[in-house]
């Protein structure tokens, strides 16, 4: 039987995403009612600038007092799309205390304080959903914590930031330098005026923390994630990648150790073979590759940002939370029973591509090879070119730990015949 009393929704934030959430709630009201089993009503919208005209939103619903809105007591669901740590954290916990469930798109907050927020939700018997916090419209969180709940996930690797993928794709396809590609991304609206969160991988690191926690049933905080930005990637790196049949992507990689006793989470640029599914992800799109024991290899692909795509994920959570509300139940919460340790980056094992500037004279290759051998790093291939007394030496290793590679590079820099280390990049996806 359809319930006639509406479920009341408070919207915190009415920017690019929030305005789309409000629009979809209005234009798709009848469909949402049918899917949920009760009408949903926008009961209030908290904003910073109340004088701004917001099409389709009754000005009477607009308030600057977000705290009063979440404390009303008649609110069933709070949708938080303001971002940042505070006041979002306090508003979410206050919403739980006053009987509301929460739908959030706040990756930074969830990566930093997800455990505490989940505990607050459980304490008050409410839901915390956050599909929109990772990869925009791509259904990813729910498949990981529901559809694959009976499986064992060993690896999650993906492109989770559209801005960086656009820049790297432009560098790859046109030969543009980093700054030129960034300028184009900014002009097209893919990059913010201050792109630091994207290009220095803070955004992707927060998403990696969330994905690792869900995939491995272990609490992984933002501080646990190794982070390396992409501002040092050059056209020469892409030329080297093409010579290996690879391209370069900024990847978020979460994986379980071979012995199952620990996990790692990292974000950094990496070369991946053109045959890997992630290599074909173009422009500002996102894609996440999941490897599990029973299901095998799965890939999730789609727009990872933008008002409408992100709002789609928010509305999907809203429908699920409202259904739970009507049924007097809550959905899946925090699952951290495994409590696996998070290994430091030094223990991560992968392949490496190292470009060296060396003297063009006999015996250099033998010296370099000796250094690699002394540090237990096996060489896969070597390519040397040069003239007029200067040369370039490109070494691709077999799998080695980050710590052993770091020791190798330090020793190489001590050789008189090595003028410099121009590039070091990991090779993934093989």
Protein backbone atom coordinates (compact mmCIF):
# COMPACT_ATOMS: atom_id res chain seq x y z
CA UNK A 1 0.00 0.00 0.00
CA UNK A 2 1.28 3.45 -0.92
CA UNK A 3 1.94 5.72 2.04
CA UNK A 4 0.53 9.21 1.55
CA UNK A 5 2.59 11.07 4.15
CA UNK A 6 5.76 12.21 2.42
CA UNK A 7 9.29 11.40 3.52
CA UNK A 8 11.00 14.71 4.18
CA UNK A 9 14.44 15.46 2.77
CA UNK A 10 16.84 18.21 3.87
CA UNK A 11 19.42 19.25 1.29
CA UNK A 12 22.72 20.66 2.55
CA UNK A 13 24.32 22.54 -0.33
CA UNK A 14 22.80 23.70 -3.58
CA UNK A 15 25.74 24.07 -5.93
CA UNK A 16 26.38 22.08 -9.10
CA UNK A 17 25.38 18.75 -7.53
CA UNK A 18 22.79 19.99 -5.02
CA UNK A 19 20.84 21.92 -7.63
CA UNK A 20 20.68 18.80 -9.82
CA UNK A 21 19.46 16.73 -6.86
CA UNK A 22 16.66 19.25 -6.26
CA UNK A 23 15.77 19.33 -9.96
CA UNK A 24 15.53 15.55 -10.28
CA UNK A 25 13.48 15.29 -7.09
CA UNK A 26 11.01 17.73 -8.61
CA UNK A 27 10.87 16.55 -12.22
CA UNK A 28 10.86 12.85 -11.35
CA UNK A 29 8.64 13.14 -8.29
CA UNK A 30 5.99 10.67 -9.51
CA UNK A 31 8.56 8.06 -10.50
CA UNK A 32 10.39 8.40 -7.19
CA UNK A 33 7.10 8.00 -5.33
CA UNK A 34 6.34 4.80 -7.22
CA UNK A 35 9.81 3.37 -6.66
CA UNK A 36 9.97 4.22 -2.97
CA UNK A 37 6.37 3.55 -1.97
CA UNK A 38 5.81 7.04 -0.57
CA UNK A 39 6.23 10.62 -1.79
CA UNK A 40 9.47 12.44 -1.07
CA UNK A 41 9.35 16.11 -0.21
CA UNK A 42 12.16 18.65 -0.25
CA UNK A 43 11.66 20.15 3.19
CA UNK A 44 14.59 22.58 3.32
CA UNK A 45 17.73 23.67 1.51
CA UNK A 46 20.74 25.02 3.46
CA UNK A 47 22.98 27.39 1.52
CA UNK A 48 25.63 30.05 2.19
CA UNK A 49 24.16 32.71 -0.13
CA UNK A 50 20.38 32.84 0.22
CA UNK A 51 19.99 35.75 -2.22
CA UNK A 52 21.12 33.68 -5.19
CA UNK A 53 18.26 32.71 -7.52
CA UNK A 54 17.80 28.93 -7.66
CA UNK A 55 15.50 27.82 -10.44
CA UNK A 56 12.77 25.41 -9.40
CA UNK A 57 13.35 25.80 -5.66
CA UNK A 58 10.80 27.58 -3.50
CA UNK A 59 12.65 30.48 -1.81
CA UNK A 60 10.70 29.70 1.36
CA UNK A 61 12.70 26.44 1.65
CA UNK A 62 16.08 28.18 1.58
CA UNK A 63 17.95 28.80 4.82
CA UNK A 64 21.44 29.64 5.99
CA UNK A 65 20.94 27.79 9.28
CA UNK A 66 21.93 24.24 8.37
CA UNK A 67 22.11 23.20 12.02
CA UNK A 68 18.52 24.20 12.69
CA UNK A 69 17.42 22.35 9.55
CA UNK A 70 18.97 19.01 10.56
CA UNK A 71 17.68 19.42 14.13
CA UNK A 72 14.04 19.81 13.13
CA UNK A 73 13.11 16.29 14.11
CA UNK A 74 10.70 15.72 11.20
CA UNK A 75 13.47 15.23 8.63
CA UNK A 76 13.77 11.65 7.39
CA UNK A 77 16.87 11.97 5.20
CA UNK A 78 19.64 14.56 5.05
CA UNK A 79 21.49 14.86 1.75
CA UNK A 80 24.95 16.39 2.32
CA UNK A 81 26.70 17.78 -0.76
CA UNK A 82 28.60 20.72 0.76
CA UNK A 83 31.95 18.86 0.97
CA UNK A 84 34.89 19.49 3.27
CA UNK A 85 35.39 18.33 6.84
CA UNK A 86 33.55 20.96 8.85
CA UNK A 87 30.74 21.84 9.20
CA UNK A 88 29.78 18.68 7.26
CA UNK A 89 30.97 16.28 9.99
CA UNK A 90 29.04 18.04 12.76
CA UNK A 91 25.94 18.38 10.60
CA UNK A 92 25.94 14.67 9.73
CA UNK A 93 26.34 13.52 13.33
CA UNK A 94 23.67 16.01 14.42
CA UNK A 95 21.34 14.60 11.77
CA UNK A 96 21.80 11.10 13.19
CA UNK A 97 21.15 12.36 16.71
CA UNK A 98 17.86 13.89 15.60
CA UNK A 99 16.58 10.82 13.79
CA UNK A 100 17.60 11.34 10.16
CA UNK A 101 19.52 9.04 7.87
CA UNK A 102 22.24 10.56 5.68
CA UNK A 103 23.23 10.42 2.02
CA UNK A 104 26.62 12.04 1.39
CA UNK A 105 28.96 12.71 -1.52
CA UNK A 106 31.78 13.82 0.79
CA UNK A 107 34.84 11.71 -0.08
CA UNK A 108 37.29 13.75 2.01
CA UNK A 109 35.23 13.40 5.18
CA UNK A 110 34.50 9.70 4.65
CA UNK A 111 38.18 8.96 3.99
CA UNK A 112 39.19 10.78 7.17
CA UNK A 113 36.36 9.97 9.59
CA UNK A 114 34.32 7.21 7.99
CA UNK A 115 34.63 4.89 11.00
CA UNK A 116 33.30 7.52 13.41
CA UNK A 117 30.42 8.42 11.10
CA UNK A 118 29.44 4.78 10.67
CA UNK A 119 29.56 4.31 14.44
CA UNK A 120 27.24 7.30 14.91
CA UNK A 121 24.83 5.90 12.33
CA UNK A 122 24.74 2.53 14.10
CA UNK A 123 24.32 4.15 17.51
CA UNK A 124 21.18 5.94 16.34
CA UNK A 125 19.88 3.18 14.07
CA UNK A 126 20.20 5.19 10.88
CA UNK A 127 21.69 4.74 7.40
CA UNK A 128 24.84 6.30 5.96
CA UNK A 129 25.06 5.93 2.18
CA UNK A 130 27.71 7.50 -0.07
CA UNK A 131 27.72 6.08 -3.58
CA UNK A 132 28.40 9.55 -5.01
CA UNK A 133 31.64 9.92 -3.01
CA UNK A 134 33.58 7.72 -5.45
CA UNK A 135 33.44 7.78 -9.26
CA UNK A 136 30.34 9.93 -9.69
CA UNK A 137 27.52 8.14 -11.49
CA UNK A 138 29.32 4.78 -11.69
CA UNK A 139 27.62 2.19 -9.46
CA UNK A 140 30.61 1.00 -7.47
CA UNK A 141 30.13 1.29 -3.70
CA UNK A 142 26.93 -0.77 -3.65
CA UNK A 143 28.36 -3.59 -5.83
CA UNK A 144 31.42 -3.79 -3.58
CA UNK A 145 29.56 -3.89 -0.29
CA UNK A 146 26.45 -5.77 -1.44
CA UNK A 147 26.75 -7.62 -4.76
CA UNK A 148 30.28 -8.88 -3.98
CA UNK A 149 29.72 -9.31 -0.23
CA UNK A 150 30.01 -13.09 -0.56
CA UNK A 151 33.21 -12.94 -2.60
CA UNK A 152 36.84 -12.22 -1.74
CA UNK A 153 38.19 -9.13 -3.47
CA UNK A 154 41.93 -9.16 -4.10
CA UNK A 155 42.48 -5.97 -6.08
CA UNK A 156 40.74 -2.75 -7.03
CA UNK A 157 42.54 -0.62 -9.59
CA UNK A 158 41.08 2.35 -11.37
CA UNK A 159 40.97 5.83 -12.80
CA UNK A 160 38.92 7.77 -10.26
CA UNK A 161 39.59 11.38 -11.23
CA UNK A 162 38.27 12.74 -14.51
CA UNK A 163 40.43 15.88 -14.53
CA UNK A 164 43.71 13.99 -14.40
CA UNK A 165 42.55 11.45 -16.95
CA UNK A 166 41.60 14.25 -19.35
CA UNK A 167 45.04 15.84 -18.97
CA UNK A 168 46.98 12.60 -19.41
CA UNK A 169 44.79 11.53 -22.32
CA UNK A 170 45.41 14.88 -24.03
CA UNK A 171 49.17 14.53 -23.50
CA UNK A 172 49.04 11.02 -24.95
CA UNK A 173 46.86 11.74 -27.98
CA UNK A 174 48.29 15.12 -29.04
CA UNK A 175 51.81 15.22 -27.64
CA UNK A 176 50.92 18.27 -25.52
CA UNK A 177 52.97 19.11 -22.45
CA UNK A 178 51.49 18.99 -18.96
CA UNK A 179 50.81 22.73 -18.65
CA UNK A 180 49.23 22.96 -22.09
CA UNK A 181 46.90 20.05 -21.33
CA UNK A 182 46.03 21.53 -17.93
CA UNK A 183 45.19 24.89 -19.52
CA UNK A 184 42.80 23.17 -21.92
CA UNK A 185 41.18 21.21 -19.07
CA UNK A 186 40.67 24.48 -17.18
CA UNK A 187 39.20 26.24 -20.21
CA UNK A 188 36.71 23.38 -20.71
CA UNK A 189 35.69 23.38 -17.05
CA UNK A 190 37.25 20.00 -16.21
CA UNK A 191 39.85 21.55 -13.89
CA UNK A 192 39.29 24.03 -11.06
CA UNK A 193 41.10 27.36 -10.93
CA UNK A 194 43.25 25.70 -8.26
CA UNK A 195 43.68 22.12 -9.55
CA UNK A 196 45.88 20.95 -6.67
CA UNK A 197 43.40 18.46 -5.21
CA UNK A 198 43.18 16.72 -8.57
CA UNK A 199 46.67 16.87 -10.06
CA UNK A 200 48.44 16.17 -6.75
CA UNK A 201 46.09 13.19 -6.27
CA UNK A 202 44.47 14.24 -2.97
CA UNK A 203 41.03 13.60 -4.49
CA UNK A 204 41.99 10.17 -5.81
CA UNK A 205 43.69 9.23 -2.53
CA UNK A 206 40.49 9.89 -0.57
CA UNK A 207 38.57 7.66 -2.97
CA UNK A 208 41.23 4.96 -2.69
CA UNK A 209 40.86 4.95 1.10
CA UNK A 210 37.11 4.44 0.80
CA UNK A 211 37.44 1.69 -1.82
CA UNK A 212 40.13 -0.18 0.12
CA UNK A 213 38.11 -0.09 3.32
CA UNK A 214 35.04 -1.55 1.64
CA UNK A 215 36.87 -4.09 -0.53
CA UNK A 216 39.01 -5.54 2.25
CA UNK A 217 36.70 -5.07 5.27
CA UNK A 218 39.44 -3.05 6.93
CA UNK A 219 39.54 0.54 8.14
CA UNK A 220 41.75 2.49 5.77
CA UNK A 221 42.21 6.20 6.40
CA UNK A 222 43.45 8.86 4.04
CA UNK A 223 46.79 8.91 5.90
CA UNK A 224 47.26 5.22 5.02
CA UNK A 225 47.22 5.91 1.29
CA UNK A 226 50.48 6.54 -0.54
CA UNK A 227 49.99 9.56 -2.81
CA UNK A 228 52.01 10.79 -5.75
CA UNK A 229 50.73 13.48 -8.12
CA UNK A 230 51.10 13.66 -11.89
CA UNK A 231 52.65 17.11 -12.39
CA UNK A 232 56.07 15.65 -13.23
CA UNK A 233 54.80 13.45 -16.08
CA UNK A 234 56.37 14.62 -19.35
CA UNK A 235 55.96 14.12 -23.09
CA UNK A 236 59.19 12.09 -22.93
CA UNK A 237 57.52 9.70 -20.46
CA UNK A 238 54.69 9.15 -22.94
CA UNK A 239 57.20 8.53 -25.71
CA UNK A 240 58.89 5.88 -23.54
CA UNK A 241 55.51 4.36 -22.69
CA UNK A 242 54.56 4.11 -26.36
CA UNK A 243 57.86 2.38 -27.04
CA UNK A 244 56.77 -0.30 -24.55
CA UNK A 245 53.24 -0.58 -25.95
CA UNK A 246 51.87 1.32 -22.93
CA UNK A 247 50.17 4.54 -21.97
CA UNK A 248 50.20 6.48 -18.67
CA UNK A 249 47.28 6.83 -16.25
CA UNK A 250 46.93 8.16 -12.72
CA UNK A 251 45.79 5.02 -10.92
CA UNK A 252 44.26 4.31 -7.54
CA UNK A 253 45.39 0.81 -6.58
CA UNK A 254 44.12 -1.12 -3.57
CA UNK A 255 45.32 -4.68 -3.20
CA UNK A 256 45.53 -7.56 -0.81
CA UNK A 257 48.98 -9.07 -0.16
CA UNK A 258 49.66 -12.48 -1.72
CA UNK A 259 49.57 -14.11 1.72
CA UNK A 260 46.31 -12.31 2.58
CA UNK A 261 47.79 -10.84 5.74
CA UNK A 262 47.86 -7.16 4.80
CA UNK A 263 46.62 -4.62 2.28
CA UNK A 264 48.03 -1.60 0.48
CA UNK A 265 46.42 1.52 -0.95
CA UNK A 266 48.24 3.90 -3.27
CA UNK A 267 47.71 6.53 -5.95
CA UNK A 268 50.35 7.43 -8.52
CA UNK A 269 51.00 7.71 -12.26
CA UNK A 270 51.79 4.39 -13.90
CA UNK A 271 52.41 2.89 -17.29
CA UNK A 272 49.81 0.29 -18.29
CA UNK A 273 49.76 -1.88 -21.42
CA UNK A 274 47.51 -0.72 -24.24
CA UNK A 275 45.87 -4.13 -24.03
CA UNK A 276 44.58 -3.43 -20.50
CA UNK A 277 40.92 -2.25 -20.35
CA UNK A 278 41.88 0.87 -18.39
CA UNK A 279 44.19 2.03 -21.17
CA UNK A 280 41.21 2.79 -23.42
CA UNK A 281 39.47 5.09 -20.90
CA UNK A 282 39.54 8.50 -22.57
CA UNK A 283 38.78 12.10 -21.68
CA UNK A 284 37.24 12.87 -18.30
CA UNK A 285 35.78 9.40 -17.81
CA UNK A 286 36.44 7.10 -14.86
CA UNK A 287 36.78 3.34 -14.74
CA UNK A 288 37.50 0.87 -11.95
CA UNK A 289 38.81 -2.66 -12.48
CA UNK A 290 37.95 -5.17 -9.74
CA UNK A 291 39.54 -8.60 -9.34
CA UNK A 292 37.87 -11.13 -7.04
CA UNK A 293 38.23 -14.85 -6.46
CA UNK A 294 34.80 -16.04 -7.56
CA UNK A 295 33.54 -13.33 -9.93
CA UNK A 296 36.91 -12.88 -11.61
CA UNK A 297 37.57 -9.57 -13.37
CA UNK A 298 34.93 -6.83 -13.48
CA UNK A 299 35.11 -3.30 -14.84
CA UNK A 300 32.89 -0.34 -13.97
CA UNK A 301 32.97 2.58 -16.42
CA UNK A 302 31.26 5.92 -16.83
CA UNK A 303 31.30 9.67 -16.09
CA UNK A 304 33.04 10.22 -12.79
CA UNK A 305 32.00 13.80 -12.05
CA UNK A 306 29.59 16.55 -12.99
CA UNK A 307 26.30 17.74 -11.57
CA UNK A 308 23.86 15.36 -13.22
CA UNK A 309 25.99 12.17 -13.02
CA UNK A 310 26.82 12.74 -9.34
CA UNK A 311 23.21 13.62 -8.58
CA UNK A 312 22.18 10.31 -10.18
CA UNK A 313 24.26 8.45 -7.59
CA UNK A 314 22.83 10.62 -4.78
CA UNK A 315 19.26 9.89 -5.89
CA UNK A 316 19.99 6.17 -6.07
CA UNK A 317 21.10 6.29 -2.43
CA UNK A 318 18.11 8.43 -1.52
CA UNK A 319 15.69 5.83 -2.94
CA UNK A 320 17.46 3.02 -1.04
CA UNK A 321 17.51 4.93 2.25
CA UNK A 322 13.85 5.91 1.92
CA UNK A 323 12.87 2.29 1.26
CA UNK A 324 14.79 1.25 4.37
CA UNK A 325 13.02 3.98 6.31
CA UNK A 326 9.61 2.72 5.27
CA UNK A 327 10.56 -0.86 6.10
CA UNK A 328 11.93 0.04 9.52
CA UNK A 329 15.34 -1.33 8.61
CA UNK A 330 18.84 -0.11 7.80
CA UNK A 331 21.13 -1.10 4.97
CA UNK A 332 24.71 -2.41 5.13
CA UNK A 333 27.01 -0.37 7.29
CA UNK A 334 30.70 -0.38 8.08
CA UNK A 335 32.39 -3.76 7.67
CA UNK A 336 35.84 -3.75 9.24
CA UNK A 337 35.93 -7.18 10.84
CA UNK A 338 39.13 -8.21 9.01
CA UNK A 339 41.24 -5.45 10.62
CA UNK A 340 44.13 -6.13 8.25
CA UNK A 341 47.23 -3.98 8.63
CA UNK A 342 47.99 -1.48 5.88
CA UNK A 343 51.52 -2.04 4.60
CA UNK A 344 53.80 0.94 3.84
CA UNK A 345 54.69 1.80 0.27
CA UNK A 346 58.21 0.46 0.74
CA UNK A 347 56.82 -3.08 0.81
CA UNK A 348 54.79 -2.74 -2.39
CA UNK A 349 56.13 -4.92 -5.22
CA UNK A 350 55.75 -3.82 -8.83
CA UNK A 351 57.70 -3.28 -12.05
CA UNK A 352 59.59 -0.04 -12.74
CA UNK A 353 60.62 2.02 -15.75
CA UNK A 354 63.74 4.11 -15.03
CA UNK A 355 65.30 6.64 -17.42
CA UNK A 356 68.94 7.58 -16.76
CA UNK A 357 71.16 10.23 -18.31
CA UNK A 358 74.61 8.67 -18.53
CA UNK A 359 78.04 9.20 -20.06
CA UNK A 360 78.36 7.65 -23.50
CA UNK A 361 81.42 5.48 -22.96
CA UNK A 362 82.28 1.78 -22.54
CA UNK A 363 81.43 0.07 -19.26
CA UNK A 364 78.48 2.28 -18.24
CA UNK A 365 75.86 -0.41 -18.81
CA UNK A 366 77.93 -2.92 -16.81
CA UNK A 367 78.20 -0.47 -13.88
CA UNK A 368 74.47 0.20 -13.91
CA UNK A 369 73.61 -3.50 -14.12
CA UNK A 370 75.92 -4.22 -11.18
CA UNK A 371 74.10 -1.67 -9.00
CA UNK A 372 70.75 -3.26 -9.80
CA UNK A 373 72.13 -6.72 -9.00
CA UNK A 374 73.65 -5.57 -5.71
CA UNK A 375 70.22 -4.36 -4.56
CA UNK A 376 68.41 -7.49 -5.65
CA UNK A 377 66.51 -5.84 -8.50
CA UNK A 378 66.29 -7.97 -11.62
CA UNK A 379 66.40 -6.22 -15.01
CA UNK A 380 63.88 -7.16 -17.69
CA UNK A 381 64.98 -4.94 -20.60
CA UNK A 382 67.54 -2.20 -21.30
CA UNK A 383 67.53 0.34 -24.12
CA UNK A 384 70.47 2.71 -24.71
CA UNK A 385 70.89 5.58 -27.15
CA UNK A 386 73.23 8.54 -27.34
CA UNK A 387 75.88 10.60 -29.08
CA UNK A 388 78.52 13.28 -28.45
CA UNK A 389 79.48 11.82 -25.08
CA UNK A 390 75.96 11.80 -23.60
CA UNK A 391 73.48 8.93 -23.59
CA UNK A 392 70.08 7.88 -22.35
CA UNK A 393 69.62 4.52 -20.66
CA UNK A 394 66.13 3.13 -20.12
CA UNK A 395 65.81 0.19 -17.73
CA UNK A 396 62.64 -1.81 -17.15
CA UNK A 397 62.79 -4.10 -14.13
CA UNK A 398 61.08 -7.27 -13.15
CA UNK A 399 58.94 -6.97 -10.02
CA UNK A 400 60.75 -5.37 -7.09
CA UNK A 401 59.82 -3.70 -3.83
CA UNK A 402 59.61 0.07 -3.64
CA UNK A 403 62.24 0.06 -0.91
CA UNK A 404 64.75 -1.96 -2.94
CA UNK A 405 64.18 0.26 -5.97
CA UNK A 406 64.74 3.38 -3.84
CA UNK A 407 68.08 1.98 -2.65
CA UNK A 408 69.02 1.17 -6.24
CA UNK A 409 68.29 4.69 -7.45
CA UNK A 410 70.25 6.25 -4.60
CA UNK A 411 73.26 4.11 -5.50
CA UNK A 412 72.92 4.95 -9.19
CA UNK A 413 73.04 8.64 -8.38
CA UNK A 414 76.40 8.02 -6.72
CA UNK A 415 78.01 6.73 -9.93
CA UNK A 416 80.30 9.18 -11.77
CA UNK A 417 78.95 7.93 -15.09
CA UNK A 418 75.30 8.67 -14.21
CA UNK A 419 74.48 12.32 -14.87
CA UNK A 420 70.96 12.09 -13.48
CA UNK A 421 67.75 10.10 -13.10
CA UNK A 422 65.27 11.79 -15.44
CA UNK A 423 62.23 9.59 -14.77
CA UNK A 424 61.01 6.77 -12.54
CA UNK A 425 57.57 5.29 -13.17
CA UNK A 426 55.80 2.16 -12.05
CA UNK A 427 54.45 -0.33 -14.58
CA UNK A 428 51.06 -1.83 -13.64
CA UNK A 429 48.37 -4.00 -15.14
CA UNK A 430 50.44 -6.99 -16.18
